[in-house]
């Protein structure tokens, strides 16, 4: 029986324990449900990684890496010692059965790309589709987004450019929907 009080990367878990992390003795009970985590990684500056991404990488059983050298550097920098499985566009189909078996066995797996969010422009779509078809849980751990950063820092020049009117209208519509 898979029992999950809180996934390892939810703030409620920390809040429920008075703002701290779950004790190690509870980790096995709390994190036994298999989960595929799509973990966003920094685009350039390692300091941009989120605390939630680090917490997730520390809690999973395996890390699927687009490039094990780049991910290895990230993991080493943050003193995270997890086995990596190479997962890239050239071995997606071949790796799929092994990864699905690990999830069926109750393992938690994080998928990371070289930079940014997996499955956006990197490997992950094939795996995510297969995981959903198997009715296994998948969740995304967000990170900083270059699109919003570029828009925020460039918006002052957009305001004076008549060609940007459609973009600004769309941006305002999005802000209205979010608010």
N, C-alpha and C. Protein backbone atom coordinates (compact mmCIF):
# COMPACT_ATOMS: atom_id res chain seq x y z
N UNK A 1 0.84 -1.18 0.00
CA UNK A 1 0.00 0.00 0.00
C UNK A 1 0.88 1.24 0.00
N UNK A 2 0.64 2.13 -0.93
CA UNK A 2 1.37 3.39 -0.98
C UNK A 2 0.62 4.44 -0.17
N UNK A 3 1.30 5.01 0.78
CA UNK A 3 0.72 6.00 1.65
C UNK A 3 1.56 7.26 1.58
N UNK A 4 0.93 8.39 1.34
CA UNK A 4 1.68 9.62 1.21
C UNK A 4 0.97 10.73 1.97
N UNK A 5 1.62 11.22 3.00
CA UNK A 5 1.06 12.33 3.76
C UNK A 5 1.24 13.61 2.97
N UNK A 6 2.48 13.92 2.58
CA UNK A 6 2.82 15.09 1.78
C UNK A 6 3.92 14.69 0.81
N UNK A 7 3.85 15.13 -0.45
CA UNK A 7 5.01 14.95 -1.31
C UNK A 7 6.18 15.74 -0.72
N UNK A 8 7.41 15.33 -0.97
CA UNK A 8 8.56 15.96 -0.33
C UNK A 8 8.72 17.43 -0.64
N UNK A 9 8.08 17.93 -1.66
CA UNK A 9 8.35 19.31 -2.05
C UNK A 9 7.19 20.25 -1.79
N UNK A 10 6.29 19.90 -0.87
CA UNK A 10 5.18 20.79 -0.61
C UNK A 10 5.40 21.58 0.67
N UNK A 11 5.16 22.88 0.62
CA UNK A 11 5.36 23.72 1.80
C UNK A 11 4.53 23.28 3.00
N UNK A 12 3.35 22.67 2.76
CA UNK A 12 2.51 22.23 3.86
C UNK A 12 3.25 21.24 4.76
N UNK A 13 4.10 20.43 4.17
CA UNK A 13 4.85 19.44 4.94
C UNK A 13 5.76 20.14 5.94
N UNK A 14 6.43 21.18 5.48
CA UNK A 14 7.32 21.92 6.38
C UNK A 14 6.50 22.67 7.43
N UNK A 15 5.36 23.25 7.00
CA UNK A 15 4.52 24.01 7.92
C UNK A 15 3.95 23.11 9.02
N UNK A 16 3.51 21.92 8.62
CA UNK A 16 2.91 20.99 9.58
C UNK A 16 3.90 20.58 10.67
N UNK A 17 5.17 20.67 10.38
CA UNK A 17 6.19 20.30 11.35
C UNK A 17 6.82 21.55 11.99
N UNK A 18 6.07 22.64 12.07
CA UNK A 18 6.58 23.85 12.71
C UNK A 18 7.61 24.58 11.88
N UNK A 19 7.53 24.45 10.56
CA UNK A 19 8.43 25.19 9.69
C UNK A 19 9.71 24.44 9.36
N UNK A 20 9.96 23.30 10.01
CA UNK A 20 11.17 22.53 9.73
C UNK A 20 10.88 21.40 8.78
N UNK A 21 11.90 20.62 8.48
CA UNK A 21 11.73 19.47 7.59
C UNK A 21 11.33 18.26 8.41
N UNK A 22 10.71 17.27 7.74
CA UNK A 22 10.34 16.04 8.41
C UNK A 22 11.59 15.33 8.93
N UNK A 23 11.53 14.72 10.09
CA UNK A 23 12.68 13.94 10.55
C UNK A 23 12.92 12.75 9.64
N UNK A 24 14.15 12.28 9.59
CA UNK A 24 14.52 11.16 8.72
C UNK A 24 13.66 9.93 8.99
N UNK A 25 13.28 9.69 10.24
CA UNK A 25 12.50 8.50 10.59
C UNK A 25 11.15 8.50 9.89
N UNK A 26 10.63 9.68 9.58
CA UNK A 26 9.32 9.79 8.95
C UNK A 26 9.41 9.72 7.43
N UNK A 27 10.59 9.92 6.87
CA UNK A 27 10.75 10.01 5.42
C UNK A 27 10.20 8.80 4.70
N UNK A 28 10.46 7.61 5.20
CA UNK A 28 10.01 6.40 4.52
C UNK A 28 8.49 6.31 4.50
N UNK A 29 7.85 6.64 5.61
CA UNK A 29 6.39 6.62 5.69
C UNK A 29 5.78 7.68 4.78
N UNK A 30 6.36 8.88 4.79
CA UNK A 30 5.77 10.01 4.10
C UNK A 30 5.97 9.99 2.59
N UNK A 31 7.04 9.39 2.12
CA UNK A 31 7.39 9.53 0.72
C UNK A 31 7.40 8.20 -0.04
N UNK A 32 6.51 7.28 0.27
CA UNK A 32 6.56 5.98 -0.38
C UNK A 32 5.77 5.93 -1.69
N UNK A 33 4.86 6.85 -1.92
CA UNK A 33 4.11 6.83 -3.17
C UNK A 33 5.05 7.20 -4.32
N UNK A 34 5.01 6.43 -5.41
CA UNK A 34 5.90 6.76 -6.53
C UNK A 34 5.47 8.07 -7.18
N UNK A 35 6.45 8.84 -7.62
CA UNK A 35 6.14 10.12 -8.25
C UNK A 35 7.25 10.45 -9.24
N UNK A 36 6.85 10.97 -10.39
CA UNK A 36 7.80 11.55 -11.31
C UNK A 36 7.75 13.06 -11.11
N UNK A 37 8.89 13.63 -10.76
CA UNK A 37 9.00 15.07 -10.56
C UNK A 37 9.72 15.68 -11.76
N UNK A 38 9.10 16.66 -12.39
CA UNK A 38 9.75 17.43 -13.46
C UNK A 38 10.36 18.64 -12.77
N UNK A 39 11.67 18.63 -12.60
CA UNK A 39 12.35 19.63 -11.78
C UNK A 39 13.05 20.66 -12.66
N UNK A 40 12.65 21.91 -12.54
CA UNK A 40 13.29 22.99 -13.29
C UNK A 40 14.66 23.28 -12.68
N UNK A 41 15.64 23.46 -13.55
CA UNK A 41 17.00 23.77 -13.11
C UNK A 41 17.39 25.16 -13.61
N UNK A 42 18.38 25.76 -12.97
CA UNK A 42 18.77 27.13 -13.36
C UNK A 42 19.27 27.22 -14.80
N UNK A 43 19.02 28.37 -15.39
CA UNK A 43 19.51 28.65 -16.74
C UNK A 43 20.72 29.57 -16.59
N UNK A 44 21.84 28.99 -16.19
CA UNK A 44 23.07 29.78 -16.10
C UNK A 44 23.61 29.97 -14.71
N UNK A 45 22.81 30.45 -13.78
CA UNK A 45 23.30 30.78 -12.44
C UNK A 45 22.75 29.76 -11.45
N UNK A 46 23.63 28.96 -10.85
CA UNK A 46 23.18 27.93 -9.90
C UNK A 46 22.41 28.52 -8.72
N UNK A 47 22.65 29.77 -8.41
CA UNK A 47 21.94 30.44 -7.32
C UNK A 47 20.47 30.63 -7.59
N UNK A 48 20.04 30.43 -8.83
CA UNK A 48 18.62 30.59 -9.17
C UNK A 48 17.78 29.36 -8.89
N UNK A 49 18.39 28.27 -8.46
CA UNK A 49 17.61 27.06 -8.18
C UNK A 49 16.72 27.30 -6.97
N UNK A 50 15.54 26.74 -6.99
CA UNK A 50 14.61 26.95 -5.88
C UNK A 50 14.89 25.98 -4.73
N UNK A 51 14.51 26.39 -3.54
CA UNK A 51 14.66 25.51 -2.38
C UNK A 51 13.83 24.25 -2.57
N UNK A 52 12.68 24.41 -3.19
CA UNK A 52 11.80 23.27 -3.43
C UNK A 52 12.46 22.27 -4.39
N UNK A 53 13.17 22.77 -5.40
CA UNK A 53 13.88 21.88 -6.33
C UNK A 53 14.98 21.13 -5.59
N UNK A 54 15.73 21.81 -4.74
CA UNK A 54 16.79 21.16 -3.97
C UNK A 54 16.21 20.10 -3.04
N UNK A 55 15.13 20.44 -2.37
CA UNK A 55 14.48 19.49 -1.45
C UNK A 55 14.02 18.25 -2.21
N UNK A 56 13.47 18.45 -3.40
CA UNK A 56 13.00 17.33 -4.21
C UNK A 56 14.17 16.47 -4.66
N UNK A 57 15.24 17.09 -5.16
CA UNK A 57 16.41 16.32 -5.61
C UNK A 57 17.03 15.52 -4.47
N UNK A 58 16.97 16.05 -3.27
CA UNK A 58 17.51 15.32 -2.10
C UNK A 58 16.62 14.15 -1.70
N UNK A 59 15.34 14.22 -2.01
CA UNK A 59 14.40 13.22 -1.51
C UNK A 59 14.14 12.07 -2.48
N UNK A 60 14.43 12.24 -3.77
CA UNK A 60 14.12 11.20 -4.74
C UNK A 60 15.13 10.06 -4.69
N UNK A 61 14.75 8.95 -5.33
CA UNK A 61 15.64 7.78 -5.39
C UNK A 61 16.60 7.86 -6.57
N UNK A 62 16.14 8.44 -7.69
CA UNK A 62 16.95 8.54 -8.90
C UNK A 62 16.74 9.90 -9.55
N UNK A 63 17.76 10.34 -10.28
CA UNK A 63 17.67 11.56 -11.07
C UNK A 63 17.89 11.20 -12.53
N UNK A 64 16.88 11.48 -13.36
CA UNK A 64 17.02 11.31 -14.80
C UNK A 64 17.65 12.58 -15.35
N UNK A 65 18.77 12.42 -16.05
CA UNK A 65 19.55 13.58 -16.49
C UNK A 65 19.70 13.62 -17.99
N UNK A 66 19.42 14.79 -18.57
CA UNK A 66 19.65 14.97 -20.00
C UNK A 66 21.15 14.84 -20.30
N UNK A 67 21.98 15.40 -19.44
CA UNK A 67 23.43 15.28 -19.55
C UNK A 67 23.97 15.03 -18.15
N UNK A 68 24.44 13.82 -17.90
CA UNK A 68 24.88 13.45 -16.54
C UNK A 68 26.06 14.30 -16.07
N UNK A 69 26.86 14.81 -16.99
CA UNK A 69 27.98 15.66 -16.58
C UNK A 69 27.48 16.98 -16.01
N UNK A 70 26.55 17.62 -16.71
CA UNK A 70 26.02 18.91 -16.25
C UNK A 70 25.20 18.74 -14.98
N UNK A 71 24.35 17.73 -14.95
CA UNK A 71 23.55 17.49 -13.75
C UNK A 71 24.46 17.07 -12.59
N UNK A 72 25.49 16.29 -12.88
CA UNK A 72 26.44 15.90 -11.85
C UNK A 72 27.10 17.10 -11.22
N UNK A 73 27.43 18.10 -12.02
CA UNK A 73 28.03 19.33 -11.50
C UNK A 73 27.05 20.03 -10.56
N UNK A 74 25.78 20.12 -10.97
CA UNK A 74 24.75 20.75 -10.14
C UNK A 74 24.58 19.99 -8.83
N UNK A 75 24.46 18.66 -8.91
CA UNK A 75 24.27 17.85 -7.70
C UNK A 75 25.48 17.97 -6.77
N UNK A 76 26.66 17.93 -7.33
CA UNK A 76 27.88 18.04 -6.52
C UNK A 76 27.96 19.40 -5.83
N UNK A 77 27.61 20.45 -6.56
CA UNK A 77 27.64 21.81 -6.00
C UNK A 77 26.76 21.91 -4.75
N UNK A 78 25.61 21.24 -4.78
CA UNK A 78 24.67 21.30 -3.65
C UNK A 78 24.79 20.09 -2.72
N UNK A 79 25.86 19.31 -2.89
CA UNK A 79 26.15 18.14 -2.05
C UNK A 79 24.98 17.16 -2.00
N UNK A 80 24.44 16.86 -3.18
CA UNK A 80 23.36 15.89 -3.32
C UNK A 80 23.95 14.64 -3.97
N UNK A 81 23.76 13.52 -3.32
CA UNK A 81 24.35 12.26 -3.79
C UNK A 81 23.22 11.29 -4.16
N UNK A 82 22.83 11.33 -5.41
CA UNK A 82 21.77 10.45 -5.91
C UNK A 82 22.25 9.80 -7.20
N UNK A 83 21.85 8.55 -7.44
CA UNK A 83 22.22 7.92 -8.71
C UNK A 83 21.52 8.60 -9.88
N UNK A 84 22.27 8.80 -10.96
CA UNK A 84 21.71 9.40 -12.17
C UNK A 84 21.47 8.33 -13.22
N UNK A 85 20.43 8.55 -13.99
CA UNK A 85 20.14 7.71 -15.15
C UNK A 85 20.14 8.65 -16.35
N UNK A 86 20.95 8.32 -17.34
CA UNK A 86 21.01 9.14 -18.54
C UNK A 86 19.68 9.06 -19.29
N UNK A 87 19.09 10.22 -19.59
CA UNK A 87 17.81 10.26 -20.30
C UNK A 87 17.83 11.47 -21.23
N UNK A 88 17.94 11.21 -22.52
CA UNK A 88 18.01 12.27 -23.51
C UNK A 88 17.25 11.86 -24.76
N UNK A 89 17.20 12.76 -25.73
CA UNK A 89 16.36 12.52 -26.91
C UNK A 89 16.77 11.27 -27.69
N UNK A 90 18.01 10.82 -27.54
CA UNK A 90 18.47 9.66 -28.30
C UNK A 90 18.21 8.33 -27.60
N UNK A 91 17.83 8.36 -26.32
CA UNK A 91 17.56 7.10 -25.62
C UNK A 91 16.20 7.09 -24.92
N UNK A 92 15.35 8.07 -25.24
CA UNK A 92 14.04 8.18 -24.58
C UNK A 92 13.25 6.87 -24.66
N UNK A 93 13.07 6.36 -25.84
CA UNK A 93 12.26 5.15 -26.03
C UNK A 93 12.91 3.94 -25.37
N UNK A 94 14.21 3.82 -25.50
CA UNK A 94 14.94 2.68 -24.94
C UNK A 94 14.91 2.68 -23.41
N UNK A 95 14.97 3.86 -22.79
CA UNK A 95 15.00 3.98 -21.33
C UNK A 95 13.63 3.85 -20.68
N UNK A 96 12.59 4.04 -21.46
CA UNK A 96 11.23 4.09 -20.93
C UNK A 96 10.83 2.88 -20.09
N UNK A 97 11.03 1.63 -20.54
CA UNK A 97 10.61 0.48 -19.72
C UNK A 97 11.28 0.46 -18.34
N UNK A 98 12.57 0.74 -18.28
CA UNK A 98 13.29 0.75 -16.99
C UNK A 98 12.71 1.81 -16.04
N UNK A 99 12.46 3.00 -16.57
CA UNK A 99 11.95 4.09 -15.73
C UNK A 99 10.54 3.77 -15.23
N UNK A 100 9.70 3.27 -16.11
CA UNK A 100 8.34 2.90 -15.70
C UNK A 100 8.36 1.80 -14.65
N UNK A 101 9.26 0.83 -14.80
CA UNK A 101 9.39 -0.23 -13.79
C UNK A 101 9.81 0.33 -12.45
N UNK A 102 10.74 1.28 -12.44
CA UNK A 102 11.17 1.90 -11.19
C UNK A 102 9.98 2.61 -10.51
N UNK A 103 9.19 3.32 -11.29
CA UNK A 103 8.01 4.00 -10.72
C UNK A 103 7.01 2.97 -10.20
N UNK A 104 6.79 1.88 -10.94
CA UNK A 104 5.87 0.83 -10.48
C UNK A 104 6.36 0.19 -9.19
N UNK A 105 7.69 0.14 -9.01
CA UNK A 105 8.28 -0.42 -7.79
C UNK A 105 8.20 0.55 -6.61
N UNK A 106 7.67 1.75 -6.85
CA UNK A 106 7.50 2.72 -5.77
C UNK A 106 8.63 3.72 -5.63
N UNK A 107 9.49 3.81 -6.62
CA UNK A 107 10.62 4.76 -6.56
C UNK A 107 10.16 6.15 -6.98
N UNK A 108 10.74 7.15 -6.34
CA UNK A 108 10.52 8.54 -6.73
C UNK A 108 11.65 8.95 -7.65
N UNK A 109 11.29 9.61 -8.74
CA UNK A 109 12.27 9.95 -9.77
C UNK A 109 12.12 11.43 -10.14
N UNK A 110 13.27 12.11 -10.23
CA UNK A 110 13.27 13.50 -10.70
C UNK A 110 13.84 13.52 -12.11
N UNK A 111 13.17 14.23 -13.00
CA UNK A 111 13.67 14.44 -14.35
C UNK A 111 14.17 15.88 -14.44
N UNK A 112 15.43 16.03 -14.82
CA UNK A 112 16.00 17.37 -15.00
C UNK A 112 16.60 17.48 -16.40
N UNK A 113 16.56 18.68 -16.94
CA UNK A 113 17.21 18.93 -18.22
C UNK A 113 18.49 19.72 -17.95
N UNK A 114 19.22 20.02 -19.00
CA UNK A 114 20.46 20.77 -18.83
C UNK A 114 20.20 22.14 -18.19
N UNK A 115 19.13 22.78 -18.57
CA UNK A 115 18.76 24.09 -18.03
C UNK A 115 17.29 24.34 -18.35
N UNK A 116 16.56 24.79 -17.36
CA UNK A 116 15.15 25.08 -17.57
C UNK A 116 14.25 23.94 -17.14
N UNK A 117 13.06 23.92 -17.70
CA UNK A 117 12.05 22.93 -17.31
C UNK A 117 12.03 21.76 -18.29
N UNK A 118 12.12 20.54 -17.76
CA UNK A 118 12.07 19.37 -18.63
C UNK A 118 10.73 19.27 -19.35
N UNK A 119 10.77 18.73 -20.53
CA UNK A 119 9.63 18.47 -21.41
C UNK A 119 9.11 19.71 -22.13
N UNK A 120 9.67 20.89 -21.85
CA UNK A 120 9.27 22.08 -22.59
C UNK A 120 9.98 22.07 -23.94
N UNK A 121 11.30 22.12 -23.93
CA UNK A 121 12.06 22.01 -25.19
C UNK A 121 13.13 20.93 -25.04
N UNK A 122 13.02 20.14 -24.01
CA UNK A 122 14.00 19.11 -23.70
C UNK A 122 13.30 17.76 -23.61
N UNK A 123 14.07 16.68 -23.42
CA UNK A 123 13.44 15.37 -23.26
C UNK A 123 12.45 15.37 -22.09
N UNK A 124 11.43 14.58 -22.22
CA UNK A 124 10.46 14.46 -21.13
C UNK A 124 9.06 14.21 -21.60
N UNK A 125 8.71 14.69 -22.79
CA UNK A 125 7.34 14.53 -23.27
C UNK A 125 6.96 13.06 -23.40
N UNK A 126 7.84 12.26 -23.99
CA UNK A 126 7.57 10.82 -24.19
C UNK A 126 7.36 10.15 -22.84
N UNK A 127 8.23 10.45 -21.89
CA UNK A 127 8.12 9.86 -20.55
C UNK A 127 6.85 10.32 -19.85
N UNK A 128 6.57 11.59 -19.90
CA UNK A 128 5.39 12.11 -19.22
C UNK A 128 4.12 11.48 -19.78
N UNK A 129 4.05 11.34 -21.09
CA UNK A 129 2.89 10.71 -21.72
C UNK A 129 2.74 9.26 -21.24
N UNK A 130 3.85 8.52 -21.20
CA UNK A 130 3.82 7.12 -20.76
C UNK A 130 3.41 7.01 -19.29
N UNK A 131 3.92 7.90 -18.45
CA UNK A 131 3.60 7.89 -17.02
C UNK A 131 2.10 8.16 -16.82
N UNK A 132 1.57 9.12 -17.55
CA UNK A 132 0.14 9.43 -17.44
C UNK A 132 -0.73 8.28 -17.95
N UNK A 133 -0.30 7.62 -19.02
CA UNK A 133 -1.04 6.46 -19.54
C UNK A 133 -1.05 5.31 -18.54
N UNK A 134 -0.01 5.22 -17.71
CA UNK A 134 0.08 4.18 -16.68
C UNK A 134 -0.65 4.60 -15.40
N UNK A 135 -1.26 5.78 -15.40
CA UNK A 135 -1.94 6.33 -14.23
C UNK A 135 -1.01 6.49 -13.03
N UNK A 136 0.25 6.83 -13.31
CA UNK A 136 1.20 7.12 -12.25
C UNK A 136 1.27 8.63 -12.07
N UNK A 137 1.51 9.09 -10.85
CA UNK A 137 1.50 10.54 -10.61
C UNK A 137 2.75 11.24 -11.15
N UNK A 138 2.53 12.44 -11.63
CA UNK A 138 3.60 13.31 -12.11
C UNK A 138 3.31 14.72 -11.63
N UNK A 139 4.35 15.45 -11.26
CA UNK A 139 4.17 16.83 -10.83
C UNK A 139 5.37 17.64 -11.28
N UNK A 140 5.20 18.93 -11.35
CA UNK A 140 6.28 19.82 -11.78
C UNK A 140 6.75 20.67 -10.60
N UNK A 141 8.06 20.81 -10.51
CA UNK A 141 8.67 21.69 -9.51
C UNK A 141 9.17 22.90 -10.29
N UNK A 142 8.49 24.03 -10.17
CA UNK A 142 8.83 25.18 -11.01
C UNK A 142 10.15 25.84 -10.60
N UNK A 143 10.65 26.62 -11.52
CA UNK A 143 11.86 27.39 -11.28
C UNK A 143 11.70 28.76 -11.91
N UNK A 144 12.75 29.53 -11.89
CA UNK A 144 12.66 30.85 -12.51
C UNK A 144 12.48 30.69 -14.02
N UNK A 145 11.74 31.59 -14.60
CA UNK A 145 11.50 31.51 -16.03
C UNK A 145 12.14 32.70 -16.74
N UNK A 146 12.90 32.42 -17.77
CA UNK A 146 13.59 33.46 -18.52
C UNK A 146 12.61 34.35 -19.27
N UNK A 147 11.46 33.80 -19.66
CA UNK A 147 10.48 34.59 -20.43
C UNK A 147 9.96 35.75 -19.59
N UNK A 148 9.54 35.46 -18.37
CA UNK A 148 9.00 36.52 -17.50
C UNK A 148 10.10 37.51 -17.14
N UNK A 149 11.30 37.01 -16.86
CA UNK A 149 12.42 37.90 -16.53
C UNK A 149 12.70 38.85 -17.69
N UNK A 150 12.76 38.31 -18.90
CA UNK A 150 13.02 39.15 -20.08
C UNK A 150 11.89 40.16 -20.28
N UNK A 151 10.67 39.73 -20.11
CA UNK A 151 9.53 40.63 -20.27
C UNK A 151 9.55 41.73 -19.21
N UNK A 152 9.84 41.34 -17.97
CA UNK A 152 9.86 42.32 -16.88
C UNK A 152 10.96 43.36 -17.08
N UNK A 153 12.14 42.92 -17.47
CA UNK A 153 13.25 43.87 -17.61
C UNK A 153 13.18 44.64 -18.92
N UNK A 154 12.47 44.15 -19.90
CA UNK A 154 12.37 44.84 -21.19
C UNK A 154 11.07 45.58 -21.38
N UNK A 155 10.18 45.53 -20.40
CA UNK A 155 8.85 46.11 -20.58
C UNK A 155 8.89 47.63 -20.75
N UNK A 156 9.89 48.31 -20.18
CA UNK A 156 9.95 49.77 -20.34
C UNK A 156 10.17 50.16 -21.80
N UNK A 157 10.94 49.38 -22.55
CA UNK A 157 11.15 49.69 -23.96
C UNK A 157 9.94 49.27 -24.79
N UNK A 158 9.19 48.29 -24.32
CA UNK A 158 7.98 47.88 -25.03
C UNK A 158 6.92 48.96 -24.98
N UNK A 159 6.85 49.67 -23.86
CA UNK A 159 5.81 50.67 -23.67
C UNK A 159 5.91 51.81 -24.69
N UNK A 160 7.12 52.07 -25.20
CA UNK A 160 7.29 53.17 -26.15
C UNK A 160 7.36 52.69 -27.59
N UNK A 161 7.19 51.39 -27.82
CA UNK A 161 7.30 50.83 -29.16
C UNK A 161 5.91 50.47 -29.67
N UNK A 162 5.40 51.18 -30.69
CA UNK A 162 4.05 50.90 -31.20
C UNK A 162 3.88 49.47 -31.70
N UNK A 163 4.95 48.85 -32.18
CA UNK A 163 4.85 47.48 -32.69
C UNK A 163 4.58 46.49 -31.57
N UNK A 164 4.81 46.89 -30.33
CA UNK A 164 4.63 45.99 -29.20
C UNK A 164 3.21 46.01 -28.64
N UNK A 165 2.32 46.81 -29.20
CA UNK A 165 0.96 46.94 -28.67
C UNK A 165 0.25 45.59 -28.53
N UNK A 166 0.29 44.70 -29.54
CA UNK A 166 -0.39 43.39 -29.36
C UNK A 166 0.19 42.59 -28.19
N UNK A 167 1.51 42.64 -28.02
CA UNK A 167 2.15 41.92 -26.93
C UNK A 167 1.72 42.48 -25.58
N UNK A 168 1.69 43.81 -25.46
CA UNK A 168 1.27 44.43 -24.20
C UNK A 168 -0.19 44.13 -23.90
N UNK A 169 -1.04 44.10 -24.92
CA UNK A 169 -2.45 43.75 -24.73
C UNK A 169 -2.57 42.33 -24.20
N UNK A 170 -1.81 41.41 -24.80
CA UNK A 170 -1.83 40.02 -24.34
C UNK A 170 -1.33 39.94 -22.89
N UNK A 171 -0.25 40.65 -22.57
CA UNK A 171 0.32 40.65 -21.22
C UNK A 171 -0.72 41.15 -20.22
N UNK A 172 -1.43 42.23 -20.54
CA UNK A 172 -2.46 42.76 -19.65
C UNK A 172 -3.60 41.77 -19.46
N UNK A 173 -3.99 41.08 -20.55
CA UNK A 173 -5.04 40.06 -20.47
C UNK A 173 -4.61 38.93 -19.53
N UNK A 174 -3.34 38.53 -19.64
CA UNK A 174 -2.83 37.46 -18.77
C UNK A 174 -2.82 37.89 -17.32
N UNK A 175 -2.39 39.13 -17.06
CA UNK A 175 -2.39 39.63 -15.69
C UNK A 175 -3.80 39.66 -15.12
N UNK A 176 -4.78 40.03 -15.93
CA UNK A 176 -6.18 40.08 -15.50
C UNK A 176 -6.66 38.67 -15.13
N UNK A 177 -6.32 37.67 -15.96
CA UNK A 177 -6.73 36.30 -15.70
C UNK A 177 -6.10 35.76 -14.41
N UNK A 178 -4.84 36.11 -14.17
CA UNK A 178 -4.13 35.61 -12.99
C UNK A 178 -4.67 36.26 -11.72
N UNK A 179 -5.00 37.53 -11.79
CA UNK A 179 -5.44 38.28 -10.61
C UNK A 179 -6.80 37.90 -10.15
